[in-house]
Amino acid sequence: MLPDKMILSELIKGWGLDANNRGELIIGGCNTLDLGNIYGTPLHVVNEARLGATAESFLRTIKLKYPGEVSVHYAFKCNPVPGIIKIIKQEGIKAEVMSEFELKLALKLGYSGNDIIVNGPYKTDRLIEACIENNIRFINVDSLFELEKIDCISNTLNKSAEVLFRINPDFVPSGMNNGSAAGSRTGSPFGMDLKGGEVMAAFEQIKGMKRIRFRGFHFHIGSGIQDTDDYRKTLMGLKRILNYAEKSGFQVDVLDIGGGLGIPNSCEMTTLELLLYQAFDFLNSGVLANRKISFSHFADSVTKGVLSLFGNKKIPELILEPGRCITGPNQLLLIKVHQVKDRKGLKKWLIADAGIGTLTMPTYYEHHEVVLCNDTRRKASEKVTITGPGCFSADVVYRNKVMPKVAAGEILAILDSGAYFTSWESSFGFPRPAIVSVIKGRHSLLRERESFDHMISLDTL
């Protein structure tokens, strides 16, 4: 992502990192080489102080900018590690979940039902039952089918449920690849079809439901959004349905705008970039950091959009579901280069102990900077293909990545790995890595490295 002429060691502070006098990468006061030796690699490293500060800053900024009530709910799917969630929870941020596992985890970590919002297109009967039994604050209804199911279960349990209608606004944020555009009408199944009249039909349907209470709307337009004005533009497209709700006798008390805000130093590939990369191995390595992404810009855009949408009407409670922008920039992944294979005149491979088959799935469609932990001062000088340990050719971290010369045994750090890396990881012939947090030169284990016995613990031998 950074031009070759820029010296990386001058920029690592933008990630909250540092380097010692030998150029070795430091995070949270801890030497990454020492961490790799102590815990082994691959290794996830969480910058604990910076994570807490980021969560606090997000909550404080939106409360300062928005003139009404605000509730912020962390998206568990982004990074469901209990130790990480506990750090975020300590800053006053609540929970957003999408599955039975995530709901049980939220309750186990001490969230009350009123602190939890439930999303997702696949809500099982057991999940809906658990939501109603635990007095979950809002169920974001994804379809007419789901609305009927919630009504049926609430009648069976003889308990009420409060819901938000999830809208598909048919809006694709700028620079986003089609696979990540959660608000696209043609590309995403999520939410009720606004243009097709499904939301209007939901209002007619809910009128006969005695135990289901409509409280407002929800939408989510994508992940890794680079232009904060896209939130304002989406809100402007809701005027028609807001007027329809009021004319139908429904009051919109709550507006949940989802999450998806990107981070400054990493971004998803655009559709064109993804096509060029996967088809022709062309990796764009000159994308400058997006300094326009900030919590302040985001809060301004959202506030402006809501105030414009509601005009002279009473503004609703604003709910946000951030994930990536909180955890993404506060974690890195250490991987060790096992060997270097240089096929003269063709390509150089760095064969590492982690790849797309184990835990780097986001590098398939996202730009992430990769740093040489042994010496951040070593200048980028060649293109290499970083592969994982799997015995198949598609086990690739990055193809044609501009890197300094790297030797076997040296450690690389994939930056901004706090969003979806641990969510995607799998045991593809190798154990899942340990996760540690670092703060003020101290390190502590959040998750042990997976053992062989654990890998086969569910199998019948």
Protein backbone atom coordinates (compact mmCIF):
# COMPACT_ATOMS: atom_id res chain seq x y z
CA MET A 1 0.00 0.00 0.00
CA LEU A 2 2.92 2.36 0.58
CA PRO A 3 5.06 3.82 -2.20
CA ASP A 4 8.52 2.27 -2.37
CA LYS A 5 10.27 5.59 -1.75
CA MET A 6 8.62 5.95 1.66
CA ILE A 7 10.55 4.45 4.56
CA LEU A 8 8.27 2.17 6.55
CA SER A 9 10.10 2.73 9.84
CA GLU A 10 8.99 6.37 9.72
CA LEU A 11 5.35 5.35 9.37
CA ILE A 12 4.85 2.47 11.79
CA LYS A 13 3.82 4.89 14.52
CA GLY A 14 0.64 5.38 12.48
CA TRP A 15 -0.23 1.86 13.61
CA GLY A 16 0.70 2.58 17.21
CA LEU A 17 3.94 0.60 16.75
CA ASP A 18 7.58 1.39 17.37
CA ALA A 19 11.06 0.01 16.70
CA ASN A 20 14.17 -0.36 18.83
CA ASN A 21 17.66 0.81 17.84
CA ARG A 22 18.15 -2.40 15.82
CA GLY A 23 14.99 -1.73 13.84
CA GLU A 24 13.08 -4.60 15.46
CA LEU A 25 9.32 -4.09 15.58
CA ILE A 26 7.80 -3.21 18.97
CA ILE A 27 4.12 -3.40 19.93
CA GLY A 28 2.77 -2.40 23.33
CA GLY A 29 6.32 -2.15 24.62
CA CYS A 30 7.06 -5.77 23.63
CA ASN A 31 9.54 -6.94 21.02
CA THR A 32 7.72 -8.94 18.33
CA LEU A 33 10.73 -11.25 17.90
CA ASP A 34 10.62 -12.10 21.60
CA LEU A 35 6.88 -12.75 21.42
CA GLY A 36 7.39 -15.09 18.47
CA ASN A 37 10.05 -17.02 20.38
CA ILE A 38 8.00 -17.26 23.58
CA TYR A 39 4.63 -18.24 22.12
CA GLY A 40 5.63 -19.56 18.72
CA THR A 41 4.29 -18.48 15.36
CA PRO A 42 1.83 -17.90 13.84
CA LEU A 43 0.76 -15.57 16.65
CA HIS A 44 -1.96 -12.95 17.00
CA VAL A 45 -0.86 -9.94 19.06
CA VAL A 46 -3.41 -7.48 20.45
CA ASN A 47 -2.41 -3.94 21.42
CA GLU A 48 -4.54 -3.80 24.56
CA ALA A 49 -4.17 -0.13 25.51
CA ARG A 50 -4.78 1.06 21.96
CA LEU A 51 -7.80 -1.22 21.57
CA GLY A 52 -9.42 0.19 24.70
CA ALA A 53 -8.61 3.75 23.66
CA THR A 54 -10.11 3.19 20.20
CA ALA A 55 -13.36 1.82 21.64
CA GLU A 56 -13.59 4.72 24.10
CA SER A 57 -12.88 7.26 21.36
CA PHE A 58 -15.60 5.87 19.08
CA LEU A 59 -18.24 6.02 21.82
CA ARG A 60 -17.19 9.45 23.05
CA THR A 61 -17.06 10.97 19.56
CA ILE A 62 -20.50 9.83 18.44
CA LYS A 63 -22.07 10.92 21.75
CA LEU A 64 -20.43 14.33 21.40
CA LYS A 65 -21.62 14.86 17.81
CA TYR A 66 -25.14 13.39 17.85
CA PRO A 67 -27.72 15.50 19.69
CA GLY A 68 -29.95 12.57 20.66
CA GLU A 69 -29.61 9.29 22.51
CA VAL A 70 -26.83 6.95 21.32
CA SER A 71 -26.17 3.23 21.83
CA VAL A 72 -23.04 1.52 20.44
CA HIS A 73 -22.93 -2.28 20.00
CA TYR A 74 -19.74 -4.11 19.03
CA ALA A 75 -20.17 -6.62 16.17
CA PHE A 76 -19.02 -9.95 17.63
CA LYS A 77 -18.56 -11.55 14.20
CA CYS A 78 -15.65 -9.21 13.49
CA ASN A 79 -13.47 -10.70 16.22
CA PRO A 80 -15.21 -13.02 18.71
CA VAL A 81 -12.27 -13.62 21.07
CA PRO A 82 -13.60 -13.28 24.66
CA GLY A 83 -10.49 -11.48 25.95
CA ILE A 84 -10.82 -8.85 23.22
CA ILE A 85 -14.55 -8.39 23.78
CA LYS A 86 -13.94 -7.87 27.50
CA ILE A 87 -11.57 -4.97 26.76
CA ILE A 88 -14.20 -3.36 24.51
CA LYS A 89 -16.98 -3.98 27.05
CA GLN A 90 -15.01 -2.16 29.74
CA GLU A 91 -15.30 1.02 27.67
CA GLY A 92 -19.12 0.94 27.79
CA ILE A 93 -19.80 -0.64 24.40
CA LYS A 94 -22.62 -3.18 24.14
CA ALA A 95 -23.10 -6.29 21.97
CA GLU A 96 -24.39 -7.12 18.48
CA VAL A 97 -24.62 -10.84 17.67
CA MET A 98 -25.78 -13.03 14.78
CA SER A 99 -25.83 -16.63 16.06
CA GLU A 100 -26.59 -18.84 19.04
CA PHE A 101 -22.87 -19.07 19.78
CA GLU A 102 -22.43 -15.31 19.83
CA LEU A 103 -25.56 -14.77 21.94
CA LYS A 104 -24.41 -17.34 24.51
CA LEU A 105 -20.96 -15.75 24.53
CA ALA A 106 -22.43 -12.28 25.14
CA LEU A 107 -24.51 -13.55 28.06
CA LYS A 108 -21.53 -15.47 29.47
CA LEU A 109 -19.41 -12.31 29.34
CA GLY A 110 -21.95 -10.46 31.46
CA TYR A 111 -24.05 -8.56 28.95
CA SER A 112 -27.71 -8.25 29.94
CA GLY A 113 -30.43 -8.91 27.40
CA ASN A 114 -31.04 -5.17 27.13
CA ASP A 115 -27.41 -4.70 26.03
CA ILE A 116 -27.77 -7.04 23.04
CA ILE A 117 -29.05 -6.63 19.47
CA VAL A 118 -29.48 -9.65 17.19
CA ASN A 119 -28.86 -9.59 13.42
CA GLY A 120 -28.44 -12.05 10.58
CA PRO A 121 -30.39 -13.72 7.77
CA TYR A 122 -30.32 -17.15 9.42
CA LYS A 123 -32.04 -16.98 12.79
CA THR A 124 -32.91 -20.49 13.94
CA ASP A 125 -35.97 -21.18 16.07
CA ARG A 126 -33.65 -21.82 19.01
CA LEU A 127 -31.97 -18.45 18.52
CA ILE A 128 -35.29 -16.61 18.36
CA GLU A 129 -36.53 -18.47 21.44
CA ALA A 130 -33.35 -17.53 23.32
CA CYS A 131 -33.74 -13.89 22.25
CA ILE A 132 -37.29 -13.69 23.58
CA GLU A 133 -36.55 -15.66 26.77
CA ASN A 134 -33.54 -13.46 27.58
CA ASN A 135 -35.38 -10.21 26.82
CA ILE A 136 -32.98 -9.22 24.06
CA ARG A 137 -33.46 -5.54 23.31
CA PHE A 138 -34.03 -5.71 19.56
CA ILE A 139 -34.28 -8.43 16.93
CA ASN A 140 -33.47 -6.92 13.55
CA VAL A 141 -35.99 -8.60 11.25
CA ASP A 142 -34.48 -9.66 7.93
CA SER A 143 -37.58 -10.78 6.00
CA LEU A 144 -41.36 -11.32 6.02
CA PHE A 145 -40.69 -15.02 6.59
CA GLU A 146 -38.67 -14.20 9.68
CA LEU A 147 -41.28 -11.76 10.97
CA GLU A 148 -43.90 -14.52 10.87
CA LYS A 149 -41.54 -16.90 12.66
CA ILE A 150 -40.85 -14.40 15.46
CA ASP A 151 -44.57 -13.82 15.86
CA CYS A 152 -45.28 -17.55 16.07
CA ILE A 153 -42.56 -18.17 18.66
CA SER A 154 -43.53 -15.15 20.76
CA ASN A 155 -47.13 -16.43 20.88
CA THR A 156 -45.93 -19.89 21.90
CA LEU A 157 -43.79 -18.43 24.68
CA ASN A 158 -46.46 -15.87 25.57
CA LYS A 159 -43.82 -13.14 25.62
CA SER A 160 -43.41 -9.95 23.59
CA ALA A 161 -40.52 -8.98 21.31
CA GLU A 162 -39.32 -5.60 20.10
CA VAL A 163 -38.07 -5.46 16.53
CA LEU A 164 -36.37 -3.22 14.00
CA PHE A 165 -37.02 -3.76 10.29
CA ARG A 166 -33.76 -4.38 8.44
CA ILE A 167 -33.91 -2.54 5.13
CA ASN A 168 -31.97 -3.33 1.98
CA PRO A 169 -31.45 0.25 0.74
CA ASP A 170 -29.97 -0.71 -2.64
CA PHE A 171 -26.85 1.36 -2.02
CA VAL A 172 -23.28 0.34 -2.84
CA PRO A 173 -20.54 2.40 -1.13
CA SER A 174 -17.84 3.90 -3.33
CA GLY A 175 -14.76 1.77 -4.02
CA MET A 176 -16.27 -1.42 -2.64
CA ASN A 177 -16.12 -4.79 -4.35
CA ASN A 178 -19.47 -6.39 -5.10
CA GLY A 179 -18.91 -9.24 -2.67
CA SER A 180 -18.84 -6.90 0.31
CA ALA A 181 -21.73 -4.59 -0.56
CA ALA A 182 -24.29 -5.71 2.06
CA GLY A 183 -26.74 -2.99 0.99
CA SER A 184 -26.87 -3.99 -2.67
CA ARG A 185 -30.29 -5.11 -3.89
CA THR A 186 -28.90 -7.36 -6.65
CA GLY A 187 -25.79 -8.58 -4.86
CA SER A 188 -26.93 -9.13 -1.28
CA PRO A 189 -29.83 -11.12 0.20
CA PHE A 190 -29.78 -9.14 3.44
CA GLY A 191 -32.74 -7.09 4.61
CA MET A 192 -36.22 -6.42 3.33
CA ASP A 193 -36.38 -5.16 -0.24
CA LEU A 194 -37.21 -1.46 -0.01
CA LYS A 195 -37.76 -0.87 -3.74
CA GLY A 196 -39.75 -4.08 -4.14
CA GLY A 197 -42.28 -3.11 -1.46
CA GLU A 198 -41.32 -5.74 1.11
CA VAL A 199 -40.93 -3.19 3.90
CA MET A 200 -44.41 -1.79 3.23
CA ALA A 201 -45.79 -5.32 3.31
CA ALA A 202 -44.11 -5.86 6.68
CA PHE A 203 -46.00 -2.90 8.13
CA GLU A 204 -49.28 -4.42 7.00
CA GLN A 205 -48.28 -7.80 8.38
CA ILE A 206 -47.21 -6.56 11.80
CA LYS A 207 -50.52 -4.79 12.42
CA GLY A 208 -52.09 -8.14 13.27
CA MET A 209 -49.27 -9.25 15.58
CA LYS A 210 -50.18 -8.58 19.19
CA ARG A 211 -46.84 -9.45 20.76
CA ILE A 212 -44.48 -7.86 18.21
CA ARG A 213 -43.65 -4.19 18.68
CA PHE A 214 -42.06 -2.17 15.85
CA ARG A 215 -39.49 0.33 17.11
CA GLY A 216 -37.58 1.48 14.03
CA PHE A 217 -35.27 0.66 11.12
CA HIS A 218 -31.90 -0.96 10.61
CA PHE A 219 -29.56 -1.06 7.62
CA HIS A 220 -25.96 -2.09 6.94
CA ILE A 221 -24.35 -1.08 3.65
CA GLY A 222 -21.05 -2.96 3.74
CA SER A 223 -17.69 -3.55 5.37
CA GLY A 224 -14.57 -1.41 5.15
CA ILE A 225 -16.32 1.76 3.94
CA GLN A 226 -13.78 4.37 2.84
CA ASP A 227 -16.03 7.40 2.30
CA THR A 228 -18.01 8.39 5.40
CA ASP A 229 -20.43 10.43 3.28
CA ASP A 230 -21.89 7.16 2.03
CA TYR A 231 -23.78 6.90 5.33
CA ARG A 232 -25.41 10.28 4.77
CA LYS A 233 -26.34 9.33 1.20
CA THR A 234 -27.96 6.10 2.39
CA LEU A 235 -30.00 7.94 5.01
CA MET A 236 -31.28 10.32 2.34
CA GLY A 237 -32.80 7.35 0.52
CA LEU A 238 -35.04 6.49 3.48
CA LYS A 239 -37.37 9.51 3.35
CA ARG A 240 -40.10 7.65 1.50
CA ILE A 241 -40.25 4.72 3.92
CA LEU A 242 -40.06 7.04 6.93
CA ASN A 243 -43.12 8.93 5.67
CA TYR A 244 -44.91 5.67 4.92
CA ALA A 245 -44.30 4.39 8.44
CA GLU A 246 -45.74 7.55 9.99
CA LYS A 247 -48.78 7.56 7.71
CA SER A 248 -49.39 3.92 8.66
CA GLY A 249 -49.47 4.86 12.34
CA PHE A 250 -45.97 3.68 13.30
CA GLN A 251 -43.45 5.80 15.16
CA VAL A 252 -39.75 5.45 14.38
CA ASP A 253 -38.05 5.69 17.77
CA VAL A 254 -34.80 3.96 16.80
CA LEU A 255 -32.49 4.09 13.80
CA ASP A 256 -29.72 1.47 13.61
CA ILE A 257 -27.21 2.31 10.86
CA GLY A 258 -25.13 -0.85 11.30
CA GLY A 259 -21.34 -0.74 11.06
CA GLY A 260 -18.78 -1.15 8.30
CA LEU A 261 -16.60 1.92 8.81
CA GLY A 262 -13.15 1.28 7.36
CA ILE A 263 -9.73 2.03 8.79
CA PRO A 264 -7.08 4.43 7.46
CA ASN A 265 -4.18 2.12 6.57
CA SER A 266 -5.90 -0.94 5.08
CA CYS A 267 -8.80 -1.35 2.72
CA GLU A 268 -10.73 -3.87 0.68
CA MET A 269 -9.84 -4.23 -2.97
CA THR A 270 -12.23 -2.64 -5.40
CA THR A 271 -13.98 -4.92 -7.89
CA LEU A 272 -11.43 -4.00 -10.57
CA GLU A 273 -8.46 -4.49 -8.23
CA LEU A 274 -9.79 -7.87 -7.16
CA LEU A 275 -10.24 -8.99 -10.76
CA LEU A 276 -6.77 -7.84 -11.79
CA TYR A 277 -5.18 -9.46 -8.77
CA GLN A 278 -6.91 -12.83 -8.99
CA ALA A 279 -6.71 -13.06 -12.79
CA PHE A 280 -3.29 -11.50 -13.52
CA ASP A 281 -1.43 -11.41 -10.16
CA PHE A 282 -1.43 -7.61 -10.27
CA LEU A 283 -1.30 -6.34 -6.68
CA ASN A 284 -1.65 -2.61 -6.21
CA SER A 285 1.16 -1.67 -3.81
CA GLY A 286 0.93 2.10 -4.12
CA VAL A 287 -2.35 2.95 -2.41
CA LEU A 288 -1.89 5.82 0.03
CA ALA A 289 -3.48 5.71 3.46
CA ASN A 290 -6.97 7.23 3.64
CA ARG A 291 -6.59 10.02 6.16
CA LYS A 292 -10.23 11.10 5.64
CA ILE A 293 -11.42 8.12 7.65
CA SER A 294 -11.90 9.28 11.22
CA PHE A 295 -14.51 8.86 13.92
CA SER A 296 -15.14 12.61 13.75
CA HIS A 297 -15.85 12.58 9.98
CA PHE A 298 -18.05 9.52 10.42
CA ALA A 299 -20.05 11.08 13.28
CA ASP A 300 -20.49 14.31 11.32
CA SER A 301 -21.81 12.48 8.24
CA VAL A 302 -24.22 10.32 10.22
CA THR A 303 -25.52 13.23 12.29
CA LYS A 304 -26.02 15.38 9.21
CA GLY A 305 -27.89 12.56 7.48
CA VAL A 306 -30.22 11.82 10.40
CA LEU A 307 -31.03 15.50 11.01
CA SER A 308 -31.78 16.02 7.34
CA LEU A 309 -33.89 12.85 7.16
CA PHE A 310 -36.06 13.72 10.17
CA GLY A 311 -36.22 17.47 9.64
CA ASN A 312 -38.46 19.06 12.27
CA LYS A 313 -39.54 15.69 13.64
CA LYS A 314 -38.18 14.25 16.88
CA ILE A 315 -34.88 12.55 16.11
CA PRO A 316 -34.58 8.85 16.98
CA GLU A 317 -32.17 7.03 19.23
CA LEU A 318 -29.12 6.25 17.10
CA ILE A 319 -27.64 2.75 17.25
CA LEU A 320 -24.28 1.84 15.72
CA GLU A 321 -22.65 -1.57 15.28
CA PRO A 322 -18.90 -0.98 14.73
CA GLY A 323 -16.47 -3.86 14.41
CA ARG A 324 -13.57 -3.40 12.00
CA CYS A 325 -12.83 0.22 12.94
CA ILE A 326 -12.34 -0.78 16.60
CA THR A 327 -10.46 -4.08 16.44
CA GLY A 328 -8.89 -3.92 12.96
CA PRO A 329 -5.98 -1.54 13.57
CA ASN A 330 -5.17 -2.86 17.04
CA GLN A 331 -3.94 -6.34 16.25
CA LEU A 332 -1.22 -7.84 14.09
CA LEU A 333 -0.36 -11.34 12.97
CA LEU A 334 3.18 -12.68 13.27
CA ILE A 335 4.22 -15.34 10.78
CA LYS A 336 7.67 -16.89 10.33
CA VAL A 337 9.37 -17.49 6.98
CA HIS A 338 10.31 -21.16 6.82
CA GLN A 339 12.29 -20.99 3.59
CA VAL A 340 12.95 -18.78 0.57
CA LYS A 341 12.65 -20.34 -2.88
CA ASP A 342 14.05 -18.29 -5.75
CA ARG A 343 13.26 -19.67 -9.20
CA LYS A 344 15.65 -17.59 -11.29
CA GLY A 345 13.98 -15.45 -13.91
CA LEU A 346 10.52 -16.37 -12.70
CA LYS A 347 9.50 -15.74 -9.10
CA LYS A 348 10.64 -15.69 -5.50
CA TRP A 349 8.52 -17.41 -2.85
CA LEU A 350 8.59 -16.85 0.89
CA ILE A 351 7.12 -20.00 2.41
CA ALA A 352 5.67 -19.11 5.81
CA ASP A 353 3.90 -20.94 8.63
CA ALA A 354 0.48 -19.34 7.95
CA GLY A 355 -1.52 -18.83 4.79
CA ILE A 356 -4.99 -18.54 3.35
CA GLY A 357 -5.71 -22.15 4.30
CA THR A 358 -5.16 -21.41 7.97
CA LEU A 359 -5.75 -17.83 9.03
CA THR A 360 -5.12 -15.10 6.45
CA MET A 361 -8.33 -15.27 4.42
CA PRO A 362 -8.81 -11.45 4.42
CA THR A 363 -5.61 -11.01 2.40
CA TYR A 364 -7.47 -12.64 -0.48
CA TYR A 365 -9.54 -9.47 -0.95
CA GLU A 366 -7.94 -6.76 1.22
CA HIS A 367 -4.80 -4.62 1.14
CA HIS A 368 -2.68 -5.07 4.27
CA GLU A 369 0.84 -3.86 4.87
CA VAL A 370 3.39 -6.57 5.68
CA VAL A 371 6.37 -5.55 7.82
CA LEU A 372 9.68 -7.31 8.39
CA CYS A 373 9.89 -7.50 12.20
CA ASN A 374 13.64 -8.20 12.22
CA ASP A 375 14.50 -4.83 10.67
CA THR A 376 11.85 -2.23 9.81
CA ARG A 377 14.59 -0.05 8.30
CA ARG A 378 15.35 -2.51 5.50
CA LYS A 379 14.01 -0.93 2.33
CA ALA A 380 11.57 -2.64 -0.03
CA SER A 381 13.53 -3.88 -3.03
CA GLU A 382 11.73 -6.78 -4.70
CA LYS A 383 8.42 -8.46 -5.40
CA VAL A 384 7.80 -11.77 -3.68
CA THR A 385 4.95 -14.21 -3.29
CA ILE A 386 4.25 -15.10 0.34
CA THR A 387 2.71 -18.55 0.68
CA GLY A 388 1.48 -20.64 3.58
CA PRO A 389 2.34 -24.14 4.80
CA GLY A 390 -0.48 -25.92 2.99
CA CYS A 391 0.34 -28.39 0.25
CA PHE A 392 -1.72 -26.65 -2.43
CA SER A 393 -0.82 -23.76 -4.73
CA ALA A 394 -3.68 -21.51 -3.65
CA ASP A 395 -2.33 -21.25 -0.10
CA VAL A 396 -1.17 -17.68 -0.68
CA VAL A 397 -0.87 -14.70 1.66
CA TYR A 398 0.06 -12.26 -1.13
CA ARG A 399 1.32 -12.56 -4.68
CA ASN A 400 3.78 -9.97 -6.02
CA LYS A 401 4.04 -8.09 -2.74
CA VAL A 402 6.77 -5.43 -2.64
CA MET A 403 9.07 -6.39 0.25
CA PRO A 404 12.64 -5.99 1.48
CA LYS A 405 14.93 -9.00 1.11
CA VAL A 406 13.84 -11.58 3.67
CA ALA A 407 15.80 -14.59 4.95
CA ALA A 408 14.58 -17.92 6.28
CA GLY A 409 13.79 -17.73 9.98
CA GLU A 410 12.80 -14.07 9.92
CA ILE A 411 9.38 -12.94 11.13
CA LEU A 412 6.78 -10.91 9.23
CA ALA A 413 3.90 -8.93 10.72
CA ILE A 414 0.63 -8.59 8.82
CA LEU A 415 -0.80 -5.31 10.10
CA ASP A 416 -4.42 -4.38 10.77
CA SER A 417 -5.32 -8.03 11.34
CA GLY A 418 -7.89 -7.45 14.08
CA ALA A 419 -10.94 -7.77 11.84
CA TYR A 420 -12.08 -11.17 10.54
CA PHE A 421 -8.66 -12.88 10.69
CA THR A 422 -9.54 -14.92 13.78
CA SER A 423 -13.15 -15.26 12.56
CA TRP A 424 -12.02 -16.88 9.31
CA GLU A 425 -9.20 -19.07 10.60
CA SER A 426 -9.40 -22.84 10.31
CA SER A 427 -7.35 -25.89 11.20
CA PHE A 428 -6.14 -26.80 7.73
CA GLY A 429 -3.60 -29.43 8.74
CA PHE A 430 -2.13 -27.12 11.37
CA PRO A 431 -3.28 -25.93 14.81
CA ARG A 432 -4.90 -22.56 15.29
CA PRO A 433 -2.43 -20.06 16.77
CA ALA A 434 -2.24 -18.51 20.20
CA ILE A 435 -3.54 -14.98 20.86
CA VAL A 436 -1.73 -12.66 23.27
CA SER A 437 -2.34 -9.13 24.47
CA VAL A 438 0.46 -6.67 25.19
CA ILE A 439 0.47 -3.53 27.32
CA LYS A 440 3.31 -1.48 28.81
CA GLY A 441 5.90 -4.14 28.07
CA ARG A 442 3.85 -6.97 29.57
CA HIS A 443 2.22 -9.80 27.63
CA SER A 444 -0.55 -12.20 28.61
CA LEU A 445 -2.26 -15.13 26.94
CA LEU A 446 -5.82 -14.63 25.66
CA ARG A 447 -6.05 -17.98 23.90
CA GLU A 448 -3.70 -20.98 23.98
CA ARG A 449 -2.35 -22.51 20.81
CA GLU A 450 -4.57 -25.35 19.64
CA SER A 451 -3.24 -28.81 20.48
CA PHE A 452 -3.38 -31.97 18.39
CA ASP A 453 -5.71 -33.54 20.95
CA HIS A 454 -8.08 -30.59 20.68
CA MET A 455 -8.06 -30.82 16.87
CA ILE A 456 -9.45 -34.38 17.05
CA SER A 457 -11.45 -34.06 20.29
CA LEU A 458 -14.81 -34.28 18.50
CA ASP A 459 -13.85 -37.25 16.35
CA THR A 460 -14.61 -40.91 17.03
CA LEU A 461 -11.42 -42.93 16.80
